[in-house]
Amino acid sequence: MNANDRTPADLLRSALAADPARPLVTYYDDATGERVELSVATFANWVAKTANLLQGELSAEPGDRLALLLPAHWQTAVWLLACSSVGVVADVGGDPAAADLVVSGPETLAAARSCSGERVALALRPLGGRFPHAPEGFADYAVEVPSQGDRFAPYAPVDPDAPALAVAGLELTGAALVERARADAAELGLAPGSRLLSGRPYGTWDGLSAGLYAPLAAGGSVVLCRHLDQLAEGGLAKRMESERVTATAR
């Protein structure tokens, strides 16, 4: 990856320039049997659309705080990179009442209502499906995002030294996040082309790093597994073989 990259959005741009067709995020939910694979180009397109929604429809500005109430999921990864693209602080599991806006899954809607700003809800259904009926007081992400532009340009340059991520009491700037992700990638033995299988939740830095940032920083990809404990006996070994996994974080 480019040594000059100083934000997660920079890392994604470098990945897109290097090889847009390679897999970046492969997502499994072993409670539902869902599997989704996103190439760098497809993932970047989702990020661009989400960043346009965030900056345009939701009027988010650099420095705003977004309470991200979502599990380890491919759409959560998209939101994390969209926040970085705009300069919004992604507060993973943060207090909605203290946030400028909130993004919630179906299980945290009640808590998300304490946010006085814009509210977005994700159904987290297979293939990014919408809610049968949109929750009152929330924009349905699956309804709003398809019409957004496929290219994104921030209204103001993103400052790498401004806060970018908060999780479990840790707050990182964009530059510190990239530096830490690179160190984690080295510790995990990741290199360009590596495939890391992660079953860690997104509620800690270790989970976020293994499940997104470290593989991205290394020029590799992640096989992100939710509800891995529900995988049938022998299933993990088969998955690691079929997905050409080179490292694990569980």
C-alpha atoms as a PDB file:
ATOM      1  CA  MET A   1       0.000   0.000   0.000  1.00  0.00           C
ATOM      2  CA  ASN A   2       0.982   3.641  -0.379  1.00  0.00           C
ATOM      3  CA  ALA A   3       3.266   4.816   2.422  1.00  0.00           C
ATOM      4  CA  ASN A   4       1.669   8.262   2.172  1.00  0.00           C
ATOM      5  CA  ASP A   5      -1.800   7.003   3.129  1.00  0.00           C
ATOM      6  CA  ARG A   6      -2.872   8.725   6.359  1.00  0.00           C
ATOM      7  CA  THR A   7      -6.584   7.948   6.659  1.00  0.00           C
ATOM      8  CA  PRO A   8      -8.649   4.790   6.108  1.00  0.00           C
ATOM      9  CA  ALA A   9     -10.177   6.486   3.064  1.00  0.00           C
ATOM     10  CA  ASP A  10      -6.645   6.891   1.674  1.00  0.00           C
ATOM     11  CA  LEU A  11      -6.054   3.163   2.166  1.00  0.00           C
ATOM     12  CA  LEU A  12      -9.205   2.354   0.219  1.00  0.00           C
ATOM     13  CA  ARG A  13      -8.221   4.678  -2.636  1.00  0.00           C
ATOM     14  CA  SER A  14      -4.843   2.958  -2.854  1.00  0.00           C
ATOM     15  CA  ALA A  15      -6.482  -0.469  -2.865  1.00  0.00           C
ATOM     16  CA  LEU A  16      -8.793   0.655  -5.658  1.00  0.00           C
ATOM     17  CA  ALA A  17      -5.892   1.947  -7.727  1.00  0.00           C
ATOM     18  CA  ALA A  18      -3.844  -1.214  -7.204  1.00  0.00           C
ATOM     19  CA  ASP A  19      -6.409  -3.913  -8.047  1.00  0.00           C
ATOM     20  CA  PRO A  20     -10.120  -3.018  -8.093  1.00  0.00           C
ATOM     21  CA  ALA A  21     -11.257  -6.531  -9.022  1.00  0.00           C
ATOM     22  CA  ARG A  22      -9.763  -8.459  -6.105  1.00  0.00           C
ATOM     23  CA  PRO A  23     -11.948  -9.449  -3.121  1.00  0.00           C
ATOM     24  CA  LEU A  24     -11.815  -7.093  -0.137  1.00  0.00           C
ATOM     25  CA  VAL A  25     -14.614  -8.156   2.224  1.00  0.00           C
ATOM     26  CA  THR A  26     -16.209 -11.611   2.241  1.00  0.00           C
ATOM     27  CA  TYR A  27     -19.009 -11.782   4.813  1.00  0.00           C
ATOM     28  CA  TYR A  28     -20.623 -14.828   6.399  1.00  0.00           C
ATOM     29  CA  ASP A  29     -23.521 -14.981   8.844  1.00  0.00           C
ATOM     30  CA  ASP A  30     -23.662 -18.516  10.179  1.00  0.00           C
ATOM     31  CA  ALA A  31     -27.033 -17.907  11.811  1.00  0.00           C
ATOM     32  CA  THR A  32     -28.702 -17.295   8.436  1.00  0.00           C
ATOM     33  CA  GLY A  33     -26.361 -18.926   5.916  1.00  0.00           C
ATOM     34  CA  GLU A  34     -25.706 -15.596   4.210  1.00  0.00           C
ATOM     35  CA  ARG A  35     -22.512 -15.079   2.202  1.00  0.00           C
ATOM     36  CA  VAL A  36     -21.609 -11.817   0.471  1.00  0.00           C
ATOM     37  CA  GLU A  37     -18.362 -11.087  -1.355  1.00  0.00           C
ATOM     38  CA  LEU A  38     -17.382  -7.538  -2.239  1.00  0.00           C
ATOM     39  CA  SER A  39     -14.510  -6.678  -4.534  1.00  0.00           C
ATOM     40  CA  VAL A  40     -12.507  -3.543  -3.846  1.00  0.00           C
ATOM     41  CA  ALA A  41     -14.465  -1.752  -6.587  1.00  0.00           C
ATOM     42  CA  THR A  42     -17.872  -2.845  -5.293  1.00  0.00           C
ATOM     43  CA  PHE A  43     -16.979  -2.001  -1.705  1.00  0.00           C
ATOM     44  CA  ALA A  44     -15.644   1.414  -2.768  1.00  0.00           C
ATOM     45  CA  ASN A  45     -18.881   2.065  -4.657  1.00  0.00           C
ATOM     46  CA  TRP A  46     -20.934   1.345  -1.530  1.00  0.00           C
ATOM     47  CA  VAL A  47     -18.620   3.640   0.439  1.00  0.00           C
ATOM     48  CA  ALA A  48     -18.997   6.453  -2.104  1.00  0.00           C
ATOM     49  CA  LYS A  49     -22.787   6.189  -2.102  1.00  0.00           C
ATOM     50  CA  THR A  50     -22.892   6.102   1.701  1.00  0.00           C
ATOM     51  CA  ALA A  51     -20.509   9.048   2.006  1.00  0.00           C
ATOM     52  CA  ASN A  52     -22.711  11.032  -0.388  1.00  0.00           C
ATOM     53  CA  LEU A  53     -25.741  10.167   1.730  1.00  0.00           C
ATOM     54  CA  LEU A  54     -23.877  11.181   4.872  1.00  0.00           C
ATOM     55  CA  GLN A  55     -22.567  14.485   3.510  1.00  0.00           C
ATOM     56  CA  GLY A  56     -25.575  15.407   1.367  1.00  0.00           C
ATOM     57  CA  GLU A  57     -28.890  14.093   2.668  1.00  0.00           C
ATOM     58  CA  LEU A  58     -27.795  13.910   6.310  1.00  0.00           C
ATOM     59  CA  SER A  59     -25.766  17.179   6.250  1.00  0.00           C
ATOM     60  CA  ALA A  60     -22.888  15.657   8.231  1.00  0.00           C
ATOM     61  CA  GLU A  61     -19.710  17.726   8.519  1.00  0.00           C
ATOM     62  CA  PRO A  62     -16.118  16.974   9.526  1.00  0.00           C
ATOM     63  CA  GLY A  63     -15.918  16.605  13.285  1.00  0.00           C
ATOM     64  CA  ASP A  64     -19.529  15.487  13.703  1.00  0.00           C
ATOM     65  CA  ARG A  65     -19.971  12.391  15.830  1.00  0.00           C
ATOM     66  CA  LEU A  66     -21.890   9.395  14.513  1.00  0.00           C
ATOM     67  CA  ALA A  67     -23.023   6.697  16.957  1.00  0.00           C
ATOM     68  CA  LEU A  68     -22.584   3.457  15.012  1.00  0.00           C
ATOM     69  CA  LEU A  69     -24.832   0.807  16.562  1.00  0.00           C
ATOM     70  CA  LEU A  70     -24.156  -2.081  14.216  1.00  0.00           C
ATOM     71  CA  PRO A  71     -22.586  -5.542  14.616  1.00  0.00           C
ATOM     72  CA  ALA A  72     -19.642  -6.941  12.666  1.00  0.00           C
ATOM     73  CA  HIS A  73     -21.189  -6.836   9.197  1.00  0.00           C
ATOM     74  CA  TRP A  74     -20.129  -5.838   5.698  1.00  0.00           C
ATOM     75  CA  GLN A  75     -22.434  -2.804   5.825  1.00  0.00           C
ATOM     76  CA  THR A  76     -20.791  -1.694   9.076  1.00  0.00           C
ATOM     77  CA  ALA A  77     -17.439  -1.776   7.294  1.00  0.00           C
ATOM     78  CA  VAL A  78     -18.948   0.422   4.588  1.00  0.00           C
ATOM     79  CA  TRP A  79     -20.146   2.965   7.151  1.00  0.00           C
ATOM     80  CA  LEU A  80     -16.739   3.056   8.839  1.00  0.00           C
ATOM     81  CA  LEU A  81     -15.031   3.983   5.570  1.00  0.00           C
ATOM     82  CA  ALA A  82     -17.801   6.432   4.634  1.00  0.00           C
ATOM     83  CA  CYS A  83     -17.279   8.262   7.926  1.00  0.00           C
ATOM     84  CA  SER A  84     -13.566   8.447   7.192  1.00  0.00           C
ATOM     85  CA  SER A  85     -14.289   9.814   3.714  1.00  0.00           C
ATOM     86  CA  VAL A  86     -16.375  12.692   5.107  1.00  0.00           C
ATOM     87  CA  GLY A  87     -14.314  13.331   8.254  1.00  0.00           C
ATOM     88  CA  VAL A  88     -17.062  12.210  10.631  1.00  0.00           C
ATOM     89  CA  VAL A  89     -16.033  10.479  13.870  1.00  0.00           C
ATOM     90  CA  ALA A  90     -17.361   6.896  13.889  1.00  0.00           C
ATOM     91  CA  ASP A  91     -18.245   6.192  17.530  1.00  0.00           C
ATOM     92  CA  VAL A  92     -18.723   2.417  17.545  1.00  0.00           C
ATOM     93  CA  GLY A  93     -21.304   1.486  20.166  1.00  0.00           C
ATOM     94  CA  GLY A  94     -21.373   5.141  21.250  1.00  0.00           C
ATOM     95  CA  ASP A  95     -24.104   6.964  23.158  1.00  0.00           C
ATOM     96  CA  PRO A  96     -26.735   8.147  20.642  1.00  0.00           C
ATOM     97  CA  ALA A  97     -27.840  10.919  22.992  1.00  0.00           C
ATOM     98  CA  ALA A  98     -24.356  12.457  22.779  1.00  0.00           C
ATOM     99  CA  ALA A  99     -24.035  12.022  19.010  1.00  0.00           C
ATOM    100  CA  ASP A 100     -24.894  14.308  16.124  1.00  0.00           C
ATOM    101  CA  LEU A 101     -26.453  11.419  14.223  1.00  0.00           C
ATOM    102  CA  VAL A 102     -26.965   7.695  14.671  1.00  0.00           C
ATOM    103  CA  VAL A 103     -26.866   4.599  12.473  1.00  0.00           C
ATOM    104  CA  SER A 104     -28.633   1.602  13.967  1.00  0.00           C
ATOM    105  CA  GLY A 105     -29.385  -2.027  13.268  1.00  0.00           C
ATOM    106  CA  PRO A 106     -32.799  -3.535  14.012  1.00  0.00           C
ATOM    107  CA  GLU A 107     -31.895  -4.591  17.564  1.00  0.00           C
ATOM    108  CA  THR A 108     -30.832  -1.149  18.821  1.00  0.00           C
ATOM    109  CA  LEU A 109     -33.595   1.070  17.474  1.00  0.00           C
ATOM    110  CA  ALA A 110     -34.991   1.889  20.915  1.00  0.00           C
ATOM    111  CA  ALA A 111     -31.623   3.164  22.142  1.00  0.00           C
ATOM    112  CA  ALA A 112     -31.007   5.024  18.874  1.00  0.00           C
ATOM    113  CA  ARG A 113     -34.150   7.117  19.369  1.00  0.00           C
ATOM    114  CA  SER A 114     -32.314   9.132  22.040  1.00  0.00           C
ATOM    115  CA  CYS A 115     -30.321  10.844  19.269  1.00  0.00           C
ATOM    116  CA  SER A 116     -31.758  14.280  18.516  1.00  0.00           C
ATOM    117  CA  GLY A 117     -30.088  14.408  15.090  1.00  0.00           C
ATOM    118  CA  GLU A 118     -30.533  12.400  11.906  1.00  0.00           C
ATOM    119  CA  ARG A 119     -31.269   8.695  12.350  1.00  0.00           C
ATOM    120  CA  VAL A 120     -30.600   5.930   9.854  1.00  0.00           C
ATOM    121  CA  ALA A 121     -31.688   2.309  10.262  1.00  0.00           C
ATOM    122  CA  LEU A 122     -30.305  -0.804   8.584  1.00  0.00           C
ATOM    123  CA  ALA A 123     -32.342  -3.991   8.367  1.00  0.00           C
ATOM    124  CA  LEU A 124     -29.142  -6.056   7.914  1.00  0.00           C
ATOM    125  CA  ARG A 125     -31.080  -8.404   5.659  1.00  0.00           C
ATOM    126  CA  PRO A 126     -29.373 -10.528   2.989  1.00  0.00           C
ATOM    127  CA  LEU A 127     -28.204  -8.593  -0.066  1.00  0.00           C
ATOM    128  CA  GLY A 128     -28.711  -5.297   1.763  1.00  0.00           C
ATOM    129  CA  GLY A 129     -32.502  -5.603   1.758  1.00  0.00           C
ATOM    130  CA  ARG A 130     -34.824  -2.983   3.208  1.00  0.00           C
ATOM    131  CA  PHE A 131     -37.203  -3.160   6.155  1.00  0.00           C
ATOM    132  CA  PRO A 132     -40.723  -4.436   5.306  1.00  0.00           C
ATOM    133  CA  HIS A 133     -41.865  -1.227   6.994  1.00  0.00           C
ATOM    134  CA  ALA A 134     -39.376   1.537   7.757  1.00  0.00           C
ATOM    135  CA  PRO A 135     -39.047   2.233  11.503  1.00  0.00           C
ATOM    136  CA  GLU A 136     -40.773   5.471  12.455  1.00  0.00           C
ATOM    137  CA  GLY A 137     -38.319   8.331  12.859  1.00  0.00           C
ATOM    138  CA  PHE A 138     -35.576   6.650  10.807  1.00  0.00           C
ATOM    139  CA  ALA A 139     -34.418   6.783   7.217  1.00  0.00           C
ATOM    140  CA  ASP A 140     -34.131   3.267   5.769  1.00  0.00           C
ATOM    141  CA  TYR A 141     -30.563   2.953   4.489  1.00  0.00           C
ATOM    142  CA  ALA A 142     -31.536   0.418   1.835  1.00  0.00           C
ATOM    143  CA  VAL A 143     -34.105   2.852   0.427  1.00  0.00           C
ATOM    144  CA  GLU A 144     -31.929   5.966   0.553  1.00  0.00           C
ATOM    145  CA  VAL A 145     -28.500   4.758  -0.605  1.00  0.00           C
ATOM    146  CA  PRO A 146     -29.126   3.321  -4.120  1.00  0.00           C
ATOM    147  CA  SER A 147     -29.889   6.729  -5.648  1.00  0.00           C
ATOM    148  CA  GLN A 148     -26.709   8.336  -4.302  1.00  0.00           C
ATOM    149  CA  GLY A 149     -23.798   9.171  -6.585  1.00  0.00           C
ATOM    150  CA  ASP A 150     -21.143   6.589  -7.413  1.00  0.00           C
ATOM    151  CA  ARG A 151     -18.298   9.058  -6.913  1.00  0.00           C
ATOM    152  CA  PHE A 152     -17.593  11.041  -3.776  1.00  0.00           C
ATOM    153  CA  ALA A 153     -15.704  14.274  -3.166  1.00  0.00           C
ATOM    154  CA  PRO A 154     -15.680  15.816   0.327  1.00  0.00           C
ATOM    155  CA  TYR A 155     -16.757  19.439   0.665  1.00  0.00           C
ATOM    156  CA  ALA A 156     -13.683  19.999   2.843  1.00  0.00           C
ATOM    157  CA  PRO A 157     -10.391  18.056   2.973  1.00  0.00           C
ATOM    158  CA  VAL A 158     -10.279  15.447   5.736  1.00  0.00           C
ATOM    159  CA  ASP A 159      -7.640  16.218   8.378  1.00  0.00           C
ATOM    160  CA  PRO A 160      -5.619  13.055   9.156  1.00  0.00           C
ATOM    161  CA  ASP A 161      -4.838  14.462  12.608  1.00  0.00           C
ATOM    162  CA  ALA A 162      -8.481  14.987  13.550  1.00  0.00           C
ATOM    163  CA  PRO A 163     -10.439  12.347  15.532  1.00  0.00           C
ATOM    164  CA  ALA A 164     -11.713   9.579  13.260  1.00  0.00           C
ATOM    165  CA  LEU A 165     -12.740   6.601  15.388  1.00  0.00           C
ATOM    166  CA  ALA A 166     -13.915   5.932  18.925  1.00  0.00           C
ATOM    167  CA  VAL A 167     -14.421   2.427  20.308  1.00  0.00           C
ATOM    168  CA  ALA A 168     -14.470   0.995  23.834  1.00  0.00           C
ATOM    169  CA  GLY A 169     -12.866   4.071  25.405  1.00  0.00           C
ATOM    170  CA  LEU A 170     -10.197   4.434  22.705  1.00  0.00           C
ATOM    171  CA  GLU A 171     -10.168   7.444  20.376  1.00  0.00           C
ATOM    172  CA  LEU A 172      -7.908   7.601  17.333  1.00  0.00           C
ATOM    173  CA  THR A 173      -7.140  10.136  14.651  1.00  0.00           C
ATOM    174  CA  GLY A 174      -7.107   8.955  11.065  1.00  0.00           C
ATOM    175  CA  ALA A 175      -3.311   8.941  10.983  1.00  0.00           C
ATOM    176  CA  ALA A 176      -3.039   7.074  14.298  1.00  0.00           C
ATOM    177  CA  LEU A 177      -5.612   4.539  13.098  1.00  0.00           C
ATOM    178  CA  VAL A 178      -3.642   3.821   9.923  1.00  0.00           C
ATOM    179  CA  GLU A 179      -0.381   3.510  11.858  1.00  0.00           C
ATOM    180  CA  ARG A 180      -1.956   1.136  14.356  1.00  0.00           C
ATOM    181  CA  ALA A 181      -3.604  -0.924  11.595  1.00  0.00           C
ATOM    182  CA  ARG A 182      -0.248  -1.329   9.850  1.00  0.00           C
ATOM    183  CA  ALA A 183       1.374  -2.489  13.090  1.00  0.00           C
ATOM    184  CA  ASP A 184      -1.452  -4.984  13.650  1.00  0.00           C
ATOM    185  CA  ALA A 185      -1.101  -6.260  10.088  1.00  0.00           C
ATOM    186  CA  ALA A 186       2.582  -6.927  10.668  1.00  0.00           C
ATOM    187  CA  GLU A 187       1.819  -8.711  13.938  1.00  0.00           C
ATOM    188  CA  LEU A 188      -0.786 -10.881  12.222  1.00  0.00           C
ATOM    189  CA  GLY A 189       1.669 -11.695   9.438  1.00  0.00           C
ATOM    190  CA  LEU A 190      -0.416 -10.021   6.736  1.00  0.00           C
ATOM    191  CA  ALA A 191       1.017  -9.041   3.371  1.00  0.00           C
ATOM    192  CA  PRO A 192      -0.455  -8.062  -0.002  1.00  0.00           C
ATOM    193  CA  GLY A 193      -2.854 -10.818  -1.027  1.00  0.00           C
ATOM    194  CA  SER A 194      -3.310 -12.223   2.499  1.00  0.00           C
ATOM    195  CA  ARG A 195      -6.762 -13.520   3.463  1.00  0.00           C
ATOM    196  CA  LEU A 196      -7.580 -13.032   7.156  1.00  0.00           C
ATOM    197  CA  LEU A 197     -10.563 -14.839   8.660  1.00  0.00           C
ATOM    198  CA  SER A 198     -11.970 -12.892  11.615  1.00  0.00           C
ATOM    199  CA  GLY A 199     -14.719 -13.977  13.973  1.00  0.00           C
ATOM    200  CA  ARG A 200     -14.163 -11.079  16.365  1.00  0.00           C
ATOM    201  CA  PRO A 201     -16.995  -8.642  17.104  1.00  0.00           C
ATOM    202  CA  TYR A 202     -16.660  -5.007  16.113  1.00  0.00           C
ATOM    203  CA  GLY A 203     -17.036  -3.662  19.665  1.00  0.00           C
ATOM    204  CA  THR A 204     -13.280  -3.404  20.301  1.00  0.00           C
ATOM    205  CA  TRP A 205     -10.267  -2.109  18.428  1.00  0.00           C
ATOM    206  CA  ASP A 206      -8.968  -5.665  18.020  1.00  0.00           C
ATOM    207  CA  GLY A 207     -12.218  -6.650  16.328  1.00  0.00           C
ATOM    208  CA  LEU A 208     -12.276  -3.621  14.048  1.00  0.00           C
ATOM    209  CA  SER A 209      -8.626  -4.020  13.142  1.00  0.00           C
ATOM    210  CA  ALA A 210      -8.819  -7.722  12.316  1.00  0.00           C
ATOM    211  CA  GLY A 211     -12.226  -7.361  10.682  1.00  0.00           C
ATOM    212  CA  LEU A 212     -11.328  -4.447   8.413  1.00  0.00           C
ATOM    213  CA  TYR A 213      -8.447  -2.064   9.019  1.00  0.00           C
ATOM    214  CA  ALA A 214      -5.430  -4.393   9.247  1.00  0.00           C
ATOM    215  CA  PRO A 215      -6.226  -6.365   6.062  1.00  0.00           C
ATOM    216  CA  LEU A 216      -6.962  -3.093   4.253  1.00  0.00           C
ATOM    217  CA  ALA A 217      -3.668  -1.574   5.431  1.00  0.00           C
ATOM    218  CA  ALA A 218      -1.740  -4.666   4.300  1.00  0.00           C
ATOM    219  CA  GLY A 219      -3.263  -4.865   0.840  1.00  0.00           C
ATOM    220  CA  GLY A 220      -5.078  -8.038   1.822  1.00  0.00           C
ATOM    221  CA  SER A 221      -8.706  -8.997   2.405  1.00  0.00           C
ATOM    222  CA  VAL A 222     -10.944 -10.164   5.222  1.00  0.00           C
ATOM    223  CA  VAL A 223     -13.328 -13.093   5.589  1.00  0.00           C
ATOM    224  CA  LEU A 224     -15.640 -11.582   8.198  1.00  0.00           C
ATOM    225  CA  CYS A 225     -17.660 -14.186  10.087  1.00  0.00           C
ATOM    226  CA  ARG A 226     -20.622 -13.444  12.348  1.00  0.00           C
ATOM    227  CA  HIS A 227     -22.112 -16.152  14.588  1.00  0.00           C
ATOM    228  CA  LEU A 228     -19.099 -18.353  13.932  1.00  0.00           C
ATOM    229  CA  ASP A 229     -20.070 -20.449  16.963  1.00  0.00           C
ATOM    230  CA  GLN A 230     -23.056 -21.736  14.968  1.00  0.00           C
ATOM    231  CA  LEU A 231     -20.900 -23.185  12.208  1.00  0.00           C
ATOM    232  CA  ALA A 232     -21.264 -26.948  11.891  1.00  0.00           C
ATOM    233  CA  GLU A 233     -18.437 -29.186  13.069  1.00  0.00           C
ATOM    234  CA  GLY A 234     -15.683 -29.269  10.498  1.00  0.00           C
ATOM    235  CA  GLY A 235     -17.129 -26.229   8.755  1.00  0.00           C
ATOM    236  CA  LEU A 236     -14.374 -23.863   9.756  1.00  0.00           C
ATOM    237  CA  ALA A 237     -11.646 -25.969   8.159  1.00  0.00           C
ATOM    238  CA  LYS A 238     -13.679 -26.254   4.973  1.00  0.00           C
ATOM    239  CA  ARG A 239     -14.277 -22.503   4.898  1.00  0.00           C
ATOM    240  CA  MET A 240     -10.623 -21.727   5.423  1.00  0.00           C
ATOM    241  CA  GLU A 241      -9.738 -23.995   2.528  1.00  0.00           C
ATOM    242  CA  SER A 242     -12.443 -22.719   0.160  1.00  0.00           C
ATOM    243  CA  GLU A 243     -11.702 -19.070   0.956  1.00  0.00           C
ATOM    244  CA  ARG A 244      -7.924 -19.565   0.723  1.00  0.00           C
ATOM    245  CA  VAL A 245      -7.483 -18.167   4.240  1.00  0.00           C
ATOM    246  CA  THR A 246      -3.870 -17.445   5.205  1.00  0.00           C
ATOM    247  CA  ALA A 247      -4.391 -16.124   8.773  1.00  0.00           C
ATOM    248  CA  THR A 248      -7.076 -16.167  11.464  1.00  0.00           C
ATOM    249  CA  ALA A 249      -8.249 -13.926  14.313  1.00  0.00           C
ATOM    250  CA  ARG A 250     -10.903 -15.510  16.501  1.00  0.00           C
END
